């Protein structure tokens, strides 16, 4: 019985120590270039990191009337064969953002914002879409790679 408790304690300690690293794989805008143009690209920064560089051109003020949602897809083997995850993330609007250009220079993905429930190594694809009155306005895909660090 004591060995069972010891095994459970070791398992709990080992899972809490595991760190992950989330890096960008790709970024692609698929719709809405007349509203927001994302001239972003992923590039290798060094041997272990990739970064996002470029400019986001916002041509219209962003308000709360556009509802954004995220669909998540996971590829365990990293072979681009994704499975849709039936996660329920609430749709939300944006704070008012005025017309502007936003410049990103060597921005790494902040691994600490990645939810603990998704600490599975592999490739992830996030499909982000913004809709106004149920009509697509802006859509883009973000490819991420999760590894044990």
Protein backbone atom coordinates (compact mmCIF):
# COMPACT_ATOMS: atom_id res chain seq x y z
CA UNK A 1 0.00 0.00 0.00
CA UNK A 2 2.85 2.37 0.82
CA UNK A 3 4.42 1.77 -2.59
CA UNK A 4 1.12 2.68 -4.27
CA UNK A 5 1.02 6.04 -2.50
CA UNK A 6 4.68 6.61 -3.35
CA UNK A 7 3.98 5.89 -7.04
CA UNK A 8 1.02 8.30 -7.04
CA UNK A 9 3.09 11.02 -5.35
CA UNK A 10 5.93 10.58 -7.87
CA UNK A 11 3.49 10.74 -10.77
CA UNK A 12 1.93 13.95 -9.47
CA UNK A 13 5.35 15.53 -8.93
CA UNK A 14 6.62 14.53 -12.36
CA UNK A 15 3.59 15.93 -14.18
CA UNK A 16 3.82 19.25 -12.40
CA UNK A 17 7.51 19.63 -13.31
CA UNK A 18 7.01 19.09 -17.05
CA UNK A 19 7.54 22.33 -18.96
CA UNK A 20 6.38 22.93 -22.47
CA UNK A 21 7.56 25.22 -25.19
CA UNK A 22 5.15 26.63 -27.76
CA UNK A 23 6.64 27.99 -30.97
CA UNK A 24 5.13 29.45 -34.12
CA UNK A 25 4.99 27.23 -37.19
CA UNK A 26 2.93 29.38 -39.55
CA UNK A 27 0.57 32.31 -39.91
CA UNK A 28 -1.85 32.80 -42.80
CA UNK A 29 -4.67 35.25 -43.34
CA UNK A 30 -7.46 33.72 -45.41
CA UNK A 31 -10.15 36.42 -45.48
CA UNK A 32 -10.77 40.09 -44.68
CA UNK A 33 -7.79 41.86 -46.23
CA UNK A 34 -10.03 44.90 -46.83
CA UNK A 35 -10.64 45.22 -43.07
CA UNK A 36 -7.35 44.06 -41.60
CA UNK A 37 -4.26 43.13 -43.58
CA UNK A 38 -1.79 40.93 -41.70
CA UNK A 39 1.62 41.07 -43.37
CA UNK A 40 3.10 38.62 -40.88
CA UNK A 41 5.55 35.81 -41.36
CA UNK A 42 7.17 33.24 -39.12
CA UNK A 43 10.92 33.03 -39.25
CA UNK A 44 13.58 31.07 -37.45
CA UNK A 45 15.25 33.25 -34.80
CA UNK A 46 17.87 30.77 -33.59
CA UNK A 47 18.17 27.00 -33.29
CA UNK A 48 15.37 26.72 -30.75
CA UNK A 49 13.03 29.64 -31.38
CA UNK A 50 10.77 30.97 -34.10
CA UNK A 51 9.34 34.47 -34.08
CA UNK A 52 6.55 36.42 -35.73
CA UNK A 53 7.54 39.52 -37.72
CA UNK A 54 5.59 42.02 -39.77
CA UNK A 55 2.82 44.59 -39.67
CA UNK A 56 -0.91 44.42 -39.04
CA UNK A 57 -2.74 47.15 -40.95
CA UNK A 58 -6.13 47.90 -39.41
CA UNK A 59 -8.23 49.76 -42.00
CA UNK A 60 -11.45 50.05 -39.96
CA UNK A 61 -12.01 50.63 -36.28
CA UNK A 62 -12.39 47.34 -34.40
CA UNK A 63 -15.41 47.34 -32.09
CA UNK A 64 -17.38 44.82 -30.07
CA UNK A 65 -19.90 44.21 -32.87
CA UNK A 66 -17.52 41.71 -34.56
CA UNK A 67 -17.58 38.40 -32.68
CA UNK A 68 -14.42 36.28 -32.76
CA UNK A 69 -14.21 32.54 -32.28
CA UNK A 70 -11.35 30.05 -32.29
CA UNK A 71 -11.50 26.47 -33.62
CA UNK A 72 -8.63 24.29 -32.44
CA UNK A 73 -7.11 21.35 -34.29
CA UNK A 74 -4.44 18.94 -33.02
CA UNK A 75 -1.98 16.66 -34.82
CA UNK A 76 -0.30 14.28 -32.36
CA UNK A 77 2.20 12.93 -34.86
CA UNK A 78 2.98 16.31 -36.41
CA UNK A 79 2.09 15.02 -39.87
CA UNK A 80 -0.48 17.72 -40.74
CA UNK A 81 -3.39 15.32 -40.14
CA UNK A 82 -5.42 17.36 -37.69
CA UNK A 83 -8.29 16.34 -35.45
CA UNK A 84 -10.82 19.00 -34.49
CA UNK A 85 -11.01 19.42 -30.72
CA UNK A 86 -14.54 19.95 -29.47
CA UNK A 87 -13.52 22.68 -27.05
CA UNK A 88 -16.06 25.31 -26.14
CA UNK A 89 -14.34 28.67 -26.06
CA UNK A 90 -16.73 31.58 -25.71
CA UNK A 91 -17.00 34.02 -28.58
CA UNK A 92 -16.00 37.54 -27.73
CA UNK A 93 -15.66 40.99 -29.25
CA UNK A 94 -12.71 43.34 -29.16
CA UNK A 95 -12.03 46.48 -27.22
CA UNK A 96 -12.30 49.50 -29.48
CA UNK A 97 -9.10 49.77 -31.49
CA UNK A 98 -8.69 52.74 -33.79
CA UNK A 99 -7.35 52.57 -37.35
CA UNK A 100 -3.59 52.00 -37.12
CA UNK A 101 -0.56 49.95 -38.10
CA UNK A 102 0.80 47.54 -35.50
CA UNK A 103 4.40 46.40 -35.93
CA UNK A 104 5.66 43.10 -34.57
CA UNK A 105 9.38 42.51 -34.34
CA UNK A 106 10.77 39.17 -33.22
CA UNK A 107 7.71 38.22 -31.13
CA UNK A 108 7.95 34.73 -29.64
CA UNK A 109 4.80 32.91 -28.64
CA UNK A 110 4.24 33.36 -24.88
CA UNK A 111 4.26 29.72 -23.74
CA UNK A 112 2.89 30.67 -20.32
CA UNK A 113 -0.53 31.55 -21.81
CA UNK A 114 -0.98 28.06 -23.30
CA UNK A 115 -3.67 26.25 -21.23
CA UNK A 116 -2.47 23.39 -19.04
CA UNK A 117 -5.25 21.16 -20.40
CA UNK A 118 -3.52 21.33 -23.82
CA UNK A 119 0.01 20.43 -22.77
CA UNK A 120 0.20 17.72 -25.42
CA UNK A 121 3.25 17.70 -27.70
CA UNK A 122 2.48 17.93 -31.40
CA UNK A 123 1.21 20.44 -33.93
CA UNK A 124 -1.75 22.69 -33.21
CA UNK A 125 -3.72 24.83 -35.64
CA UNK A 126 -5.90 27.68 -34.44
CA UNK A 127 -8.51 28.93 -36.90
CA UNK A 128 -9.63 32.40 -35.82
CA UNK A 129 -12.67 33.94 -37.45
CA UNK A 130 -14.44 37.23 -36.88
CA UNK A 131 -18.08 37.55 -37.91
CA UNK A 132 -20.45 40.50 -38.12
CA UNK A 133 -24.17 39.63 -38.34
CA UNK A 134 -23.13 36.01 -38.98
CA UNK A 135 -21.10 37.01 -42.08
CA UNK A 136 -17.33 36.31 -42.13
CA UNK A 137 -15.24 39.46 -41.85
CA UNK A 138 -11.70 38.39 -40.92
CA UNK A 139 -10.16 34.92 -40.83
CA UNK A 140 -6.65 33.68 -40.17
CA UNK A 141 -4.82 30.50 -39.14
CA UNK A 142 -2.00 30.18 -36.65
CA UNK A 143 0.17 27.06 -36.65
CA UNK A 144 1.92 26.18 -33.40
CA UNK A 145 4.32 23.47 -32.31
CA UNK A 146 4.23 22.25 -28.71
CA UNK A 147 7.26 20.38 -27.34
CA UNK A 148 8.39 19.24 -23.93
CA UNK A 149 11.12 21.59 -22.86
